[in-house]
Amino acid sequence: MESVIKVIPKDDFSLLVTFNNGETKLFDARPYLEKGIFTKLKQLELFQQAYVAFDTVCWPGDLDIAPETLYDRSQPV
């Protein structure tokens, strides 16, 4: 399973994610911003606080997205 080693949040609610296999991919988070607890991330200031922990992307408030979701639903850069 791929692990996230670096994340750069973008102003368009996408994430530039680097994985432990050396791949960097672009994840569009916009579809998730309409679902459940992820609606909090519609605030760009909060979205920009993305960080890597536990091998995935996390945000304050115990928000995270599974690394396999990030990998499988991202586009190669």
C-alpha atoms as a PDB file:
ATOM      1  CA  MET A   1       0.000   0.000   0.000  1.00  0.00           C
ATOM      2  CA  GLU A   2       1.211   3.461  -0.859  1.00  0.00           C
ATOM      3  CA  SER A   3       1.878   5.961   1.911  1.00  0.00           C
ATOM      4  CA  VAL A   4       1.788   9.742   1.648  1.00  0.00           C
ATOM      5  CA  ILE A   5       5.119  11.410   2.354  1.00  0.00           C
ATOM      6  CA  LYS A   6       4.357  14.980   1.230  1.00  0.00           C
ATOM      7  CA  VAL A   7       1.295  17.129   0.513  1.00  0.00           C
ATOM      8  CA  ILE A   8       0.898  20.585  -0.973  1.00  0.00           C
ATOM      9  CA  PRO A   9      -2.638  21.996  -0.796  1.00  0.00           C
ATOM     10  CA  LYS A  10      -3.646  24.184  -3.756  1.00  0.00           C
ATOM     11  CA  ASP A  11      -6.041  27.149  -3.898  1.00  0.00           C
ATOM     12  CA  ASP A  12      -8.413  25.206  -6.186  1.00  0.00           C
ATOM     13  CA  PHE A  13      -9.071  22.582  -3.478  1.00  0.00           C
ATOM     14  CA  SER A  14      -6.713  20.059  -4.980  1.00  0.00           C
ATOM     15  CA  LEU A  15      -3.768  18.358  -3.326  1.00  0.00           C
ATOM     16  CA  LEU A  16      -0.373  17.676  -4.827  1.00  0.00           C
ATOM     17  CA  VAL A  17       0.490  14.403  -3.102  1.00  0.00           C
ATOM     18  CA  THR A  18       3.820  12.571  -3.129  1.00  0.00           C
ATOM     19  CA  PHE A  19       3.783   8.882  -2.246  1.00  0.00           C
ATOM     20  CA  ASN A  20       6.477   6.603  -0.859  1.00  0.00           C
ATOM     21  CA  ASN A  21       6.848   4.897  -4.251  1.00  0.00           C
ATOM     22  CA  GLY A  22       8.159   8.184  -5.706  1.00  0.00           C
ATOM     23  CA  GLU A  23       4.979   9.091  -7.592  1.00  0.00           C
ATOM     24  CA  THR A  24       3.459  12.561  -7.344  1.00  0.00           C
ATOM     25  CA  LYS A  25      -0.229  12.851  -8.164  1.00  0.00           C
ATOM     26  CA  LEU A  26      -2.925  15.527  -8.151  1.00  0.00           C
ATOM     27  CA  PHE A  27      -6.030  14.776  -6.084  1.00  0.00           C
ATOM     28  CA  ASP A  28      -9.173  16.842  -6.710  1.00  0.00           C
ATOM     29  CA  ALA A  29     -10.868  17.176  -3.313  1.00  0.00           C
ATOM     30  CA  ARG A  30     -13.841  19.213  -4.570  1.00  0.00           C
ATOM     31  CA  PRO A  31     -16.267  16.243  -4.846  1.00  0.00           C
ATOM     32  CA  TYR A  32     -15.592  15.405  -1.197  1.00  0.00           C
ATOM     33  CA  LEU A  33     -16.389  18.927   0.033  1.00  0.00           C
ATOM     34  CA  GLU A  34     -20.116  18.167  -0.288  1.00  0.00           C
ATOM     35  CA  LYS A  35     -20.008  15.049   1.909  1.00  0.00           C
ATOM     36  CA  GLY A  36     -20.368  14.715   5.671  1.00  0.00           C
ATOM     37  CA  ILE A  37     -17.589  16.124   7.804  1.00  0.00           C
ATOM     38  CA  PHE A  38     -15.592  17.161   4.753  1.00  0.00           C
ATOM     39  CA  THR A  39     -17.920  20.133   4.221  1.00  0.00           C
ATOM     40  CA  LYS A  40     -15.744  21.890   6.818  1.00  0.00           C
ATOM     41  CA  LEU A  41     -12.946  21.882   4.257  1.00  0.00           C
ATOM     42  CA  LYS A  42     -14.873  24.311   2.042  1.00  0.00           C
ATOM     43  CA  GLN A  43     -13.108  26.966   4.114  1.00  0.00           C
ATOM     44  CA  LEU A  44      -9.926  27.499   2.092  1.00  0.00           C
ATOM     45  CA  GLU A  45      -8.041  28.546   5.211  1.00  0.00           C
ATOM     46  CA  LEU A  46      -8.737  25.150   6.802  1.00  0.00           C
ATOM     47  CA  PHE A  47      -8.119  23.230   3.564  1.00  0.00           C
ATOM     48  CA  GLN A  48      -4.688  24.896   3.298  1.00  0.00           C
ATOM     49  CA  GLN A  49      -3.738  23.414   6.694  1.00  0.00           C
ATOM     50  CA  ALA A  50      -3.364  19.912   5.223  1.00  0.00           C
ATOM     51  CA  TYR A  51      -0.436  17.967   6.647  1.00  0.00           C
ATOM     52  CA  VAL A  52       0.965  14.431   6.531  1.00  0.00           C
ATOM     53  CA  ALA A  53       0.395  12.131   9.501  1.00  0.00           C
ATOM     54  CA  PHE A  54      -0.212   8.394   9.859  1.00  0.00           C
ATOM     55  CA  ASP A  55       0.863   7.879   6.200  1.00  0.00           C
ATOM     56  CA  THR A  56      -1.945  10.032   4.796  1.00  0.00           C
ATOM     57  CA  VAL A  57      -3.252  13.589   4.468  1.00  0.00           C
ATOM     58  CA  CYS A  58      -4.887  15.059   7.569  1.00  0.00           C
ATOM     59  CA  TRP A  59      -6.444  18.336   8.686  1.00  0.00           C
ATOM     60  CA  PRO A  60      -7.133  19.801  12.121  1.00  0.00           C
ATOM     61  CA  GLY A  61     -10.305  18.404  13.681  1.00  0.00           C
ATOM     62  CA  ASP A  62      -9.504  14.725  13.039  1.00  0.00           C
ATOM     63  CA  LEU A  63     -10.166  14.919   9.299  1.00  0.00           C
ATOM     64  CA  ASP A  64      -8.278  12.655   6.920  1.00  0.00           C
ATOM     65  CA  ILE A  65      -8.606  10.834   3.629  1.00  0.00           C
ATOM     66  CA  ALA A  66      -7.424   7.247   3.272  1.00  0.00           C
ATOM     67  CA  PRO A  67      -4.116   6.945   1.403  1.00  0.00           C
ATOM     68  CA  GLU A  68      -5.546   4.365  -1.003  1.00  0.00           C
ATOM     69  CA  THR A  69      -8.320   6.809  -1.942  1.00  0.00           C
ATOM     70  CA  LEU A  70      -5.761   9.542  -2.534  1.00  0.00           C
ATOM     71  CA  TYR A  71      -3.669   7.230  -4.700  1.00  0.00           C
ATOM     72  CA  ASP A  72      -6.455   5.575  -6.681  1.00  0.00           C
ATOM     73  CA  ARG A  73      -8.426   8.756  -7.398  1.00  0.00           C
ATOM     74  CA  SER A  74      -5.524  11.043  -8.281  1.00  0.00           C
ATOM     75  CA  GLN A  75      -4.096  11.936 -11.655  1.00  0.00           C
ATOM     76  CA  PRO A  76      -0.372  11.542 -12.405  1.00  0.00           C
ATOM     77  CA  VAL A  77       1.535  14.801 -12.623  1.00  0.00           C
END
